[in-house]
PDB file of N, CA and C in Angstrom:
ATOM      1  N   UNK A   1     104.099-136.109 -32.212  1.00  0.00           N
ATOM      2  CA  UNK A   1     105.245-135.749 -31.407  1.00  0.00           C
ATOM      3  C   UNK A   1     105.940-134.520 -31.988  1.00  0.00           C
ATOM      4  N   UNK A   2     106.758-133.917 -31.204  1.00  0.00           N
ATOM      5  CA  UNK A   2     107.473-132.712 -31.643  1.00  0.00           C
ATOM      6  C   UNK A   2     108.483-133.032 -32.745  1.00  0.00           C
ATOM      7  N   UNK A   3     109.028-134.243 -32.727  1.00  0.00           N
ATOM      8  CA  UNK A   3     109.945-134.644 -33.795  1.00  0.00           C
ATOM      9  C   UNK A   3     109.208-134.697 -35.120  1.00  0.00           C
ATOM     10  N   UNK A   4     107.977-135.199 -35.108  1.00  0.00           N
ATOM     11  CA  UNK A   4     107.174-135.248 -36.331  1.00  0.00           C
ATOM     12  C   UNK A   4     106.871-133.842 -36.838  1.00  0.00           C
ATOM     13  N   UNK A   5     106.620-132.912 -35.919  1.00  0.00           N
ATOM     14  CA  UNK A   5     106.372-131.525 -36.328  1.00  0.00           C
ATOM     15  C   UNK A   5     107.593-130.941 -37.036  1.00  0.00           C
ATOM     16  N   UNK A   6     108.764-131.187 -36.484  1.00  0.00           N
ATOM     17  CA  UNK A   6     109.993-130.710 -37.112  1.00  0.00           C
ATOM     18  C   UNK A   6     110.224-131.347 -38.469  1.00  0.00           C
ATOM     19  N   UNK A   7     109.958-132.654 -38.577  1.00  0.00           N
ATOM     20  CA  UNK A   7     110.113-133.348 -39.858  1.00  0.00           C
ATOM     21  C   UNK A   7     109.122-132.823 -40.884  1.00  0.00           C
ATOM     22  N   UNK A   8     107.890-132.540 -40.450  1.00  0.00           N
ATOM     23  CA  UNK A   8     106.891-131.979 -41.357  1.00  0.00           C
ATOM     24  C   UNK A   8     107.305-130.584 -41.817  1.00  0.00           C
ATOM     25  N   UNK A   9     107.883-129.791 -40.914  1.00  0.00           N
ATOM     26  CA  UNK A   9     108.365-128.459 -41.291  1.00  0.00           C
ATOM     27  C   UNK A   9     109.514-128.563 -42.282  1.00  0.00           C
ATOM     28  N   UNK A  10     110.377-129.544 -42.088  1.00  0.00           N
ATOM     29  CA  UNK A  10     111.484-129.759 -43.019  1.00  0.00           C
ATOM     30  C   UNK A  10     110.954-130.145 -44.390  1.00  0.00           C
ATOM     31  N   UNK A  11     109.961-131.021 -44.431  1.00  0.00           N
ATOM     32  CA  UNK A  11     109.360-131.426 -45.706  1.00  0.00           C
ATOM     33  C   UNK A  11     108.668-130.243 -46.378  1.00  0.00           C
ATOM     34  N   UNK A  12     107.983-129.427 -45.585  1.00  0.00           N
ATOM     35  CA  UNK A  12     107.286-128.262 -46.151  1.00  0.00           C
ATOM     36  C   UNK A  12     108.269-127.231 -46.693  1.00  0.00           C
ATOM     37  N   UNK A  13     109.445-127.168 -46.100  1.00  0.00           N
ATOM     38  CA  UNK A  13     110.446-126.201 -46.563  1.00  0.00           C
ATOM     39  C   UNK A  13     111.105-126.639 -47.874  1.00  0.00           C
ATOM     40  N   UNK A  14     111.034-127.927 -48.174  1.00  0.00           N
ATOM     41  CA  UNK A  14     111.646-128.484 -49.396  1.00  0.00           C
ATOM     42  C   UNK A  14     110.650-129.444 -50.047  1.00  0.00           C
ATOM     43  N   UNK A  15     109.512-128.936 -50.537  1.00  0.00           N
ATOM     44  CA  UNK A  15     108.411-129.812 -50.946  1.00  0.00           C
ATOM     45  C   UNK A  15     108.643-130.635 -52.209  1.00  0.00           C
ATOM     46  N   UNK A  16     109.406-130.167 -53.157  1.00  0.00           N
ATOM     47  CA  UNK A  16     109.506-130.864 -54.434  1.00  0.00           C
ATOM     48  C   UNK A  16     110.627-131.896 -54.449  1.00  0.00           C
ATOM     49  N   UNK A  17     111.826-131.495 -54.099  1.00  0.00           N
ATOM     50  CA  UNK A  17     112.976-132.395 -54.187  1.00  0.00           C
ATOM     51  C   UNK A  17     113.498-132.847 -52.827  1.00  0.00           C
ATOM     52  N   UNK A  18     112.970-132.311 -51.739  1.00  0.00           N
ATOM     53  CA  UNK A  18     113.471-132.647 -50.422  1.00  0.00           C
ATOM     54  C   UNK A  18     114.886-132.133 -50.232  1.00  0.00           C
ATOM     55  N   UNK A  19     115.556-132.673 -49.240  1.00  0.00           N
ATOM     56  CA  UNK A  19     116.927-132.240 -48.956  1.00  0.00           C
ATOM     57  C   UNK A  19     117.958-133.212 -49.517  1.00  0.00           C
ATOM     58  N   UNK A  20     117.498-134.332 -50.040  1.00  0.00           N
ATOM     59  CA  UNK A  20     118.388-135.333 -50.617  1.00  0.00           C
ATOM     60  C   UNK A  20     118.368-136.610 -49.796  1.00  0.00           C
ATOM     61  N   UNK A  21     118.460-137.758 -50.444  1.00  0.00           N
ATOM     62  CA  UNK A  21     118.441-139.032 -49.723  1.00  0.00           C
ATOM     63  C   UNK A  21     119.565-139.124 -48.700  1.00  0.00           C
ATOM     64  N   UNK A  22     119.209-139.551 -47.504  1.00  0.00           N
ATOM     65  CA  UNK A  22     120.204-139.749 -46.451  1.00  0.00           C
ATOM     66  C   UNK A  22     120.671-138.489 -45.756  1.00  0.00           C
ATOM     67  N   UNK A  23     120.014-137.357 -45.986  1.00  0.00           N
ATOM     68  CA  UNK A  23     120.478-136.099 -45.396  1.00  0.00           C
ATOM     69  C   UNK A  23     119.693-135.652 -44.169  1.00  0.00           C
ATOM     70  N   UNK A  24     118.719-136.441 -43.734  1.00  0.00           N
ATOM     71  CA  UNK A  24     117.865-136.002 -42.625  1.00  0.00           C
ATOM     72  C   UNK A  24     118.687-135.595 -41.416  1.00  0.00           C
ATOM     73  N   UNK A  25     119.601-136.440 -40.997  1.00  0.00           N
ATOM     74  CA  UNK A  25     120.386-136.166 -39.787  1.00  0.00           C
ATOM     75  C   UNK A  25     121.209-134.881 -39.903  1.00  0.00           C
ATOM     76  N   UNK A  26     121.596-134.531 -41.106  1.00  0.00           N
ATOM     77  CA  UNK A  26     122.447-133.356 -41.319  1.00  0.00           C
ATOM     78  C   UNK A  26     121.662-132.073 -41.553  1.00  0.00           C
ATOM     79  N   UNK A  27     120.433-132.187 -42.054  1.00  0.00           N
ATOM     80  CA  UNK A  27     119.664-130.999 -42.423  1.00  0.00           C
ATOM     81  C   UNK A  27     118.480-130.713 -41.500  1.00  0.00           C
ATOM     82  N   UNK A  28     118.275-131.567 -40.496  1.00  0.00           N
ATOM     83  CA  UNK A  28     117.121-131.429 -39.617  1.00  0.00           C
ATOM     84  C   UNK A  28     117.239-130.273 -38.625  1.00  0.00           C
ATOM     85  N   UNK A  29     118.435-129.943 -38.217  1.00  0.00           N
ATOM     86  CA  UNK A  29     118.678-128.958 -37.160  1.00  0.00           C
ATOM     87  C   UNK A  29     117.834-127.698 -37.207  1.00  0.00           C
ATOM     88  N   UNK A  30     117.781-126.947 -38.319  1.00  0.00           N
ATOM     89  CA  UNK A  30     117.006-125.709 -38.337  1.00  0.00           C
ATOM     90  C   UNK A  30     115.500-125.915 -38.182  1.00  0.00           C
ATOM     91  N   UNK A  31     115.027-127.141 -38.382  1.00  0.00           N
ATOM     92  CA  UNK A  31     113.593-127.407 -38.315  1.00  0.00           C
ATOM     93  C   UNK A  31     113.187-128.090 -37.015  1.00  0.00           C
ATOM     94  N   UNK A  32     114.164-128.431 -36.185  1.00  0.00           N
ATOM     95  CA  UNK A  32     113.911-129.185 -34.956  1.00  0.00           C
ATOM     96  C   UNK A  32     113.039-128.400 -33.992  1.00  0.00           C
ATOM     97  N   UNK A  33     112.113-129.085 -33.379  1.00  0.00           N
ATOM     98  CA  UNK A  33     111.246-128.495 -32.353  1.00  0.00           C
ATOM     99  C   UNK A  33     111.727-128.882 -30.952  1.00  0.00           C
ATOM    100  N   UNK A  34     112.478-129.965 -30.882  1.00  0.00           N
ATOM    101  CA  UNK A  34     113.082-130.435 -29.629  1.00  0.00           C
ATOM    102  C   UNK A  34     114.526-130.814 -29.951  1.00  0.00           C
ATOM    103  N   UNK A  35     115.149-131.562 -29.095  1.00  0.00           N
ATOM    104  CA  UNK A  35     116.546-131.953 -29.302  1.00  0.00           C
ATOM    105  C   UNK A  35     116.742-132.644 -30.647  1.00  0.00           C
ATOM    106  N   UNK A  36     117.958-132.570 -31.148  1.00  0.00           N
ATOM    107  CA  UNK A  36     118.307-133.151 -32.427  1.00  0.00           C
ATOM    108  C   UNK A  36     118.024-134.650 -32.440  1.00  0.00           C
ATOM    109  N   UNK A  37     117.625-135.163 -33.593  1.00  0.00           N
ATOM    110  CA  UNK A  37     117.443-136.595 -33.798  1.00  0.00           C
ATOM    111  C   UNK A  37     117.926-136.940 -35.198  1.00  0.00           C
ATOM    112  N   UNK A  38     118.386-138.143 -35.378  1.00  0.00           N
ATOM    113  CA  UNK A  38     118.918-138.555 -36.673  1.00  0.00           C
ATOM    114  C   UNK A  38     117.872-139.133 -37.608  1.00  0.00           C
ATOM    115  N   UNK A  39     116.661-139.377 -37.111  1.00  0.00           N
ATOM    116  CA  UNK A  39     115.589-139.959 -37.898  1.00  0.00           C
ATOM    117  C   UNK A  39     114.282-139.221 -37.615  1.00  0.00           C
ATOM    118  N   UNK A  40     113.368-139.281 -38.584  1.00  0.00           N
ATOM    119  CA  UNK A  40     112.069-138.640 -38.410  1.00  0.00           C
ATOM    120  C   UNK A  40     111.125-139.483 -37.563  1.00  0.00           C
ATOM    121  N   UNK A  41     111.438-140.759 -37.362  1.00  0.00           N
ATOM    122  CA  UNK A  41     110.593-141.707 -36.628  1.00  0.00           C
ATOM    123  C   UNK A  41     109.257-141.914 -37.324  1.00  0.00           C
ATOM    124  N   UNK A  42     109.218-141.682 -38.610  1.00  0.00           N
ATOM    125  CA  UNK A  42     108.087-141.984 -39.480  1.00  0.00           C
ATOM    126  C   UNK A  42     108.660-142.102 -40.891  1.00  0.00           C
ATOM    127  N   UNK A  43     108.515-143.260 -41.481  1.00  0.00           N
ATOM    128  CA  UNK A  43     109.048-143.468 -42.820  1.00  0.00           C
ATOM    129  C   UNK A  43     108.465-142.472 -43.804  1.00  0.00           C
ATOM    130  N   UNK A  44     107.181-142.177 -43.660  1.00  0.00           N
ATOM    131  CA  UNK A  44     106.518-141.267 -44.588  1.00  0.00           C
ATOM    132  C   UNK A  44     107.045-139.841 -44.454  1.00  0.00           C
ATOM    133  N   UNK A  45     107.204-139.359 -43.226  1.00  0.00           N
ATOM    134  CA  UNK A  45     107.746-138.016 -43.030  1.00  0.00           C
ATOM    135  C   UNK A  45     109.204-137.938 -43.469  1.00  0.00           C
ATOM    136  N   UNK A  46     109.958-138.979 -43.209  1.00  0.00           N
ATOM    137  CA  UNK A  46     111.365-138.962 -43.613  1.00  0.00           C
ATOM    138  C   UNK A  46     111.481-138.959 -45.138  1.00  0.00           C
ATOM    139  N   UNK A  47     110.628-139.725 -45.813  1.00  0.00           N
ATOM    140  CA  UNK A  47     110.635-139.733 -47.276  1.00  0.00           C
ATOM    141  C   UNK A  47     110.275-138.358 -47.815  1.00  0.00           C
ATOM    142  N   UNK A  48     109.249-137.739 -47.263  1.00  0.00           N
ATOM    143  CA  UNK A  48     108.846-136.403 -47.713  1.00  0.00           C
ATOM    144  C   UNK A  48     109.953-135.384 -47.464  1.00  0.00           C
ATOM    145  N   UNK A  49     110.608-135.460 -46.308  1.00  0.00           N
ATOM    146  CA  UNK A  49     111.657-134.497 -45.971  1.00  0.00           C
ATOM    147  C   UNK A  49     112.896-134.685 -46.843  1.00  0.00           C
ATOM    148  N   UNK A  50     113.296-135.930 -47.086  1.00  0.00           N
ATOM    149  CA  UNK A  50     114.521-136.184 -47.831  1.00  0.00           C
ATOM    150  C   UNK A  50     114.328-136.173 -49.345  1.00  0.00           C
ATOM    151  N   UNK A  51     113.165-136.612 -49.825  1.00  0.00           N
ATOM    152  CA  UNK A  51     112.987-136.758 -51.270  1.00  0.00           C
ATOM    153  C   UNK A  51     111.825-135.967 -51.849  1.00  0.00           C
ATOM    154  N   UNK A  52     111.060-135.304 -50.996  1.00  0.00           N
ATOM    155  CA  UNK A  52     109.981-134.462 -51.473  1.00  0.00           C
ATOM    156  C   UNK A  52     108.641-135.181 -51.528  1.00  0.00           C
ATOM    157  N   UNK A  53     107.586-134.380 -51.688  1.00  0.00           N
ATOM    158  CA  UNK A  53     106.243-134.932 -51.712  1.00  0.00           C
ATOM    159  C   UNK A  53     105.949-135.766 -52.957  1.00  0.00           C
ATOM    160  N   UNK A  54     106.507-135.456 -54.133  1.00  0.00           N
ATOM    161  CA  UNK A  54     106.277-136.343 -55.284  1.00  0.00           C
ATOM    162  C   UNK A  54     106.797-137.767 -55.031  1.00  0.00           C
ATOM    163  N   UNK A  55     107.932-137.892 -54.374  1.00  0.00           N
ATOM    164  CA  UNK A  55     108.469-139.217 -54.047  1.00  0.00           C
ATOM    165  C   UNK A  55     107.569-139.919 -53.046  1.00  0.00           C
ATOM    166  N   UNK A  56     107.046-139.172 -52.078  1.00  0.00           N
ATOM    167  CA  UNK A  56     106.131-139.752 -51.104  1.00  0.00           C
ATOM    168  C   UNK A  56     104.880-140.269 -51.799  1.00  0.00           C
ATOM    169  N   UNK A  57     104.358-139.519 -52.740  1.00  0.00           N
ATOM    170  CA  UNK A  57     103.184-139.971 -53.495  1.00  0.00           C
ATOM    171  C   UNK A  57     103.499-141.224 -54.304  1.00  0.00           C
ATOM    172  N   UNK A  58     104.681-141.297 -54.882  1.00  0.00           N
ATOM    173  CA  UNK A  58     105.080-142.486 -55.636  1.00  0.00           C
ATOM    174  C   UNK A  58     105.163-143.711 -54.727  1.00  0.00           C
ATOM    175  N   UNK A  59     105.712-143.536 -53.535  1.00  0.00           N
ATOM    176  CA  UNK A  59     105.789-144.639 -52.581  1.00  0.00           C
ATOM    177  C   UNK A  59     104.391-145.078 -52.170  1.00  0.00           C
ATOM    178  N   UNK A  60     103.529-144.123 -51.888  1.00  0.00           N
ATOM    179  CA  UNK A  60     102.154-144.453 -51.505  1.00  0.00           C
ATOM    180  C   UNK A  60     101.426-145.174 -52.637  1.00  0.00           C
ATOM    181  N   UNK A  61     101.635-144.753 -53.860  1.00  0.00           N
ATOM    182  CA  UNK A  61     101.006-145.420 -55.006  1.00  0.00           C
ATOM    183  C   UNK A  61     101.525-146.847 -55.162  1.00  0.00           C
ATOM    184  N   UNK A  62     102.800-147.047 -54.935  1.00  0.00           N
ATOM    185  CA  UNK A  62     103.367-148.397 -55.023  1.00  0.00           C
ATOM    186  C   UNK A  62     102.794-149.307 -53.946  1.00  0.00           C
ATOM    187  N   UNK A  63     102.710-148.799 -52.708  1.00  0.00           N
ATOM    188  CA  UNK A  63     102.100-149.574 -51.623  1.00  0.00           C
ATOM    189  C   UNK A  63     100.657-149.927 -51.969  1.00  0.00           C
ATOM    190  N   UNK A  64      99.901-148.944 -52.451  1.00  0.00           N
ATOM    191  CA  UNK A  64      98.489-149.158 -52.765  1.00  0.00           C
ATOM    192  C   UNK A  64      98.323-150.175 -53.896  1.00  0.00           C
ATOM    193  N   UNK A  65      99.132-150.075 -54.922  1.00  0.00           N
ATOM    194  CA  UNK A  65      99.041-151.008 -56.041  1.00  0.00           C
ATOM    195  C   UNK A  65      99.381-152.432 -55.606  1.00  0.00           C
ATOM    196  N   UNK A  66     100.430-152.579 -54.822  1.00  0.00           N
ATOM    197  CA  UNK A  66     100.815-153.909 -54.344  1.00  0.00           C
ATOM    198  C   UNK A  66      99.731-154.504 -53.450  1.00  0.00           C
ATOM    199  N   UNK A  67      99.178-153.684 -52.566  1.00  0.00           N
ATOM    200  CA  UNK A  67      98.116-154.155 -51.685  1.00  0.00           C
ATOM    201  C   UNK A  67      96.875-154.532 -52.482  1.00  0.00           C
ATOM    202  N   UNK A  68      96.510-153.710 -53.449  1.00  0.00           N
ATOM    203  CA  UNK A  68      95.351-154.003 -54.292  1.00  0.00           C
ATOM    204  C   UNK A  68      95.523-155.340 -55.012  1.00  0.00           C
ATOM    205  N   UNK A  69      96.680-155.560 -55.601  1.00  0.00           N
ATOM    206  CA  UNK A  69      96.941-156.810 -56.331  1.00  0.00           C
ATOM    207  C   UNK A  69      96.899-158.013 -55.395  1.00  0.00           C
ATOM    208  N   UNK A  70      97.488-157.875 -54.216  1.00  0.00           N
ATOM    209  CA  UNK A  70      97.500-158.983 -53.259  1.00  0.00           C
ATOM    210  C   UNK A  70      96.091-159.298 -52.768  1.00  0.00           C
ATOM    211  N   UNK A  71      95.317-158.269 -52.462  1.00  0.00           N
ATOM    212  CA  UNK A  71      93.942-158.500 -52.006  1.00  0.00           C
ATOM    213  C   UNK A  71      93.084-159.097 -53.109  1.00  0.00           C
ATOM    214  N   UNK A  72      93.255-158.647 -54.320  1.00  0.00           N
ATOM    215  CA  UNK A  72      92.493-159.188 -55.439  1.00  0.00           C
ATOM    216  C   UNK A  72      92.828-160.668 -55.661  1.00  0.00           C
ATOM    217  N   UNK A  73      94.101-161.002 -55.562  1.00  0.00           N
ATOM    218  CA  UNK A  73      94.505-162.404 -55.713  1.00  0.00           C
ATOM    219  C   UNK A  73      93.967-163.252 -54.560  1.00  0.00           C
ATOM    220  N   UNK A  74      93.967-162.686 -53.352  1.00  0.00           N
ATOM    221  CA  UNK A  74      93.467-163.423 -52.194  1.00  0.00           C
ATOM    222  C   UNK A  74      91.967-163.678 -52.323  1.00  0.00           C
ATOM    223  N   UNK A  75      91.235-162.711 -52.816  1.00  0.00           N
ATOM    224  CA  UNK A  75      89.779-162.885 -52.996  1.00  0.00           C
ATOM    225  C   UNK A  75      89.477-163.843 -54.136  1.00  0.00           C
ATOM    226  N   UNK A  76      90.392-163.975 -55.073  1.00  0.00           N
ATOM    227  CA  UNK A  76      90.205-164.872 -56.213  1.00  0.00           C
ATOM    228  C   UNK A  76      90.449-166.328 -55.874  1.00  0.00           C
ATOM    229  N   UNK A  77      90.769-166.620 -54.624  1.00  0.00           N
ATOM    230  CA  UNK A  77      90.976-167.993 -54.211  1.00  0.00           C
ATOM    231  C   UNK A  77      92.255-168.601 -54.743  1.00  0.00           C
ATOM    232  N   UNK A  78      93.293-167.805 -54.879  1.00  0.00           N
ATOM    233  CA  UNK A  78      94.558-168.300 -55.426  1.00  0.00           C
ATOM    234  C   UNK A  78      95.492-168.852 -54.355  1.00  0.00           C
ATOM    235  N   UNK A  79      94.949-169.304 -53.269  1.00  0.00           N
ATOM    236  CA  UNK A  79      95.767-169.901 -52.217  1.00  0.00           C
ATOM    237  C   UNK A  79      96.031-168.933 -51.081  1.00  0.00           C
ATOM    238  N   UNK A  80      96.861-169.379 -50.163  1.00  0.00           N
ATOM    239  CA  UNK A  80      97.130-168.602 -48.957  1.00  0.00           C
ATOM    240  C   UNK A  80      98.219-167.546 -49.159  1.00  0.00           C
ATOM    241  N   UNK A  81      99.088-167.730 -50.134  1.00  0.00           N
ATOM    242  CA  UNK A  81     100.195-166.793 -50.325  1.00  0.00           C
ATOM    243  C   UNK A  81      99.730-165.357 -50.579  1.00  0.00           C
ATOM    244  N   UNK A  82      98.758-165.108 -51.467  1.00  0.00           N
ATOM    245  CA  UNK A  82      98.321-163.722 -51.654  1.00  0.00           C
ATOM    246  C   UNK A  82      97.756-163.095 -50.378  1.00  0.00           C
ATOM    247  N   UNK A  83      97.048-163.893 -49.572  1.00  0.00           N
ATOM    248  CA  UNK A  83      96.521-163.372 -48.306  1.00  0.00           C
ATOM    249  C   UNK A  83      97.662-163.029 -47.355  1.00  0.00           C
ATOM    250  N   UNK A  84      98.694-163.860 -47.328  1.00  0.00           N
ATOM    251  CA  UNK A  84      99.853-163.593 -46.472  1.00  0.00           C
ATOM    252  C   UNK A  84     100.588-162.336 -46.936  1.00  0.00           C
ATOM    253  N   UNK A  85     100.713-162.183 -48.248  1.00  0.00           N
ATOM    254  CA  UNK A  85     101.366-160.983 -48.791  1.00  0.00           C
ATOM    255  C   UNK A  85     100.557-159.740 -48.439  1.00  0.00           C
ATOM    256  N   UNK A  86      99.232-159.820 -48.563  1.00  0.00           N
ATOM    257  CA  UNK A  86      98.379-158.679 -48.208  1.00  0.00           C
ATOM    258  C   UNK A  86      98.535-158.327 -46.733  1.00  0.00           C
ATOM    259  N   UNK A  87      98.573-159.331 -45.880  1.00  0.00           N
ATOM    260  CA  UNK A  87      98.763-159.085 -44.449  1.00  0.00           C
ATOM    261  C   UNK A  87     100.104-158.442 -44.158  1.00  0.00           C
ATOM    262  N   UNK A  88     101.143-158.945 -44.820  1.00  0.00           N
ATOM    263  CA  UNK A  88     102.477-158.372 -44.627  1.00  0.00           C
ATOM    264  C   UNK A  88     102.520-156.924 -45.102  1.00  0.00           C
ATOM    265  N   UNK A  89     101.865-156.628 -46.213  1.00  0.00           N
ATOM    266  CA  UNK A  89     101.830-155.243 -46.708  1.00  0.00           C
ATOM    267  C   UNK A  89     101.088-154.330 -45.738  1.00  0.00           C
ATOM    268  N   UNK A  90      99.993-154.807 -45.181  1.00  0.00           N
ATOM    269  CA  UNK A  90      99.251-153.993 -44.209  1.00  0.00           C
ATOM    270  C   UNK A  90     100.101-153.712 -42.969  1.00  0.00           C
ATOM    271  N   UNK A  91     100.826-154.703 -42.514  1.00  0.00           N
ATOM    272  CA  UNK A  91     101.720-154.509 -41.362  1.00  0.00           C
ATOM    273  C   UNK A  91     102.824-153.502 -41.724  1.00  0.00           C
ATOM    274  N   UNK A  92     103.388-153.638 -42.919  1.00  0.00           N
ATOM    275  CA  UNK A  92     104.445-152.715 -43.343  1.00  0.00           C
ATOM    276  C   UNK A  92     103.970-151.285 -43.455  1.00  0.00           C
ATOM    277  N   UNK A  93     102.784-151.100 -44.007  1.00  0.00           N
ATOM    278  CA  UNK A  93     102.204-149.756 -44.140  1.00  0.00           C
ATOM    279  C   UNK A  93     101.969-149.155 -42.750  1.00  0.00           C
ATOM    280  N   UNK A  94     101.443-149.969 -41.839  1.00  0.00           N
ATOM    281  CA  UNK A  94     101.171-149.480 -40.491  1.00  0.00           C
ATOM    282  C   UNK A  94     102.458-149.188 -39.720  1.00  0.00           C
ATOM    283  N   UNK A  95     103.440-150.067 -39.837  1.00  0.00           N
ATOM    284  CA  UNK A  95     104.697-149.897 -39.121  1.00  0.00           C
ATOM    285  C   UNK A  95     105.466-148.667 -39.587  1.00  0.00           C
ATOM    286  N   UNK A  96     105.295-148.305 -40.828  1.00  0.00           N
ATOM    287  CA  UNK A  96     106.039-147.168 -41.379  1.00  0.00           C
ATOM    288  C   UNK A  96     105.635-145.838 -40.733  1.00  0.00           C
ATOM    289  N   UNK A  97     104.508-145.801 -40.037  1.00  0.00           N
ATOM    290  CA  UNK A  97     104.121-144.574 -39.339  1.00  0.00           C
ATOM    291  C   UNK A  97     105.009-144.313 -38.139  1.00  0.00           C
ATOM    292  N   UNK A  98     105.615-145.353 -37.605  1.00  0.00           N
ATOM    293  CA  UNK A  98     106.381-145.202 -36.354  1.00  0.00           C
ATOM    294  C   UNK A  98     107.857-145.205 -36.569  1.00  0.00           C
TER     295      UNK A  98
END
C-alpha cells in the first residue's frame, strides 16, 4: 500500500536511530505518499521508522529465538503448552505485518 511506501521511506531516511519511539504520527508527513495516517499499519515498518533498522533486527531476532525455543520444546514432547506458544508466536509474527 502507499502508506507502507511512505513508512519505508521514513525508515530509510532515518536508518540507524529512527525518529524516536511514538513519533510516527508527528514525523510521517514529509514521507507520506497519500493522506496522513497516525500508524504505519505494519508493526515492522513502524518499528524501523521510529527506532531504526538495528531495533527491527533485534525484534526479529527475539521473535526467531522465542519461536525456535517453543518449536524445539514442542518437538521434544514436553506437552501441549510449547505447541500452543509456538502457534501463538506464529500468529503474532503474521499479524504484525498488518
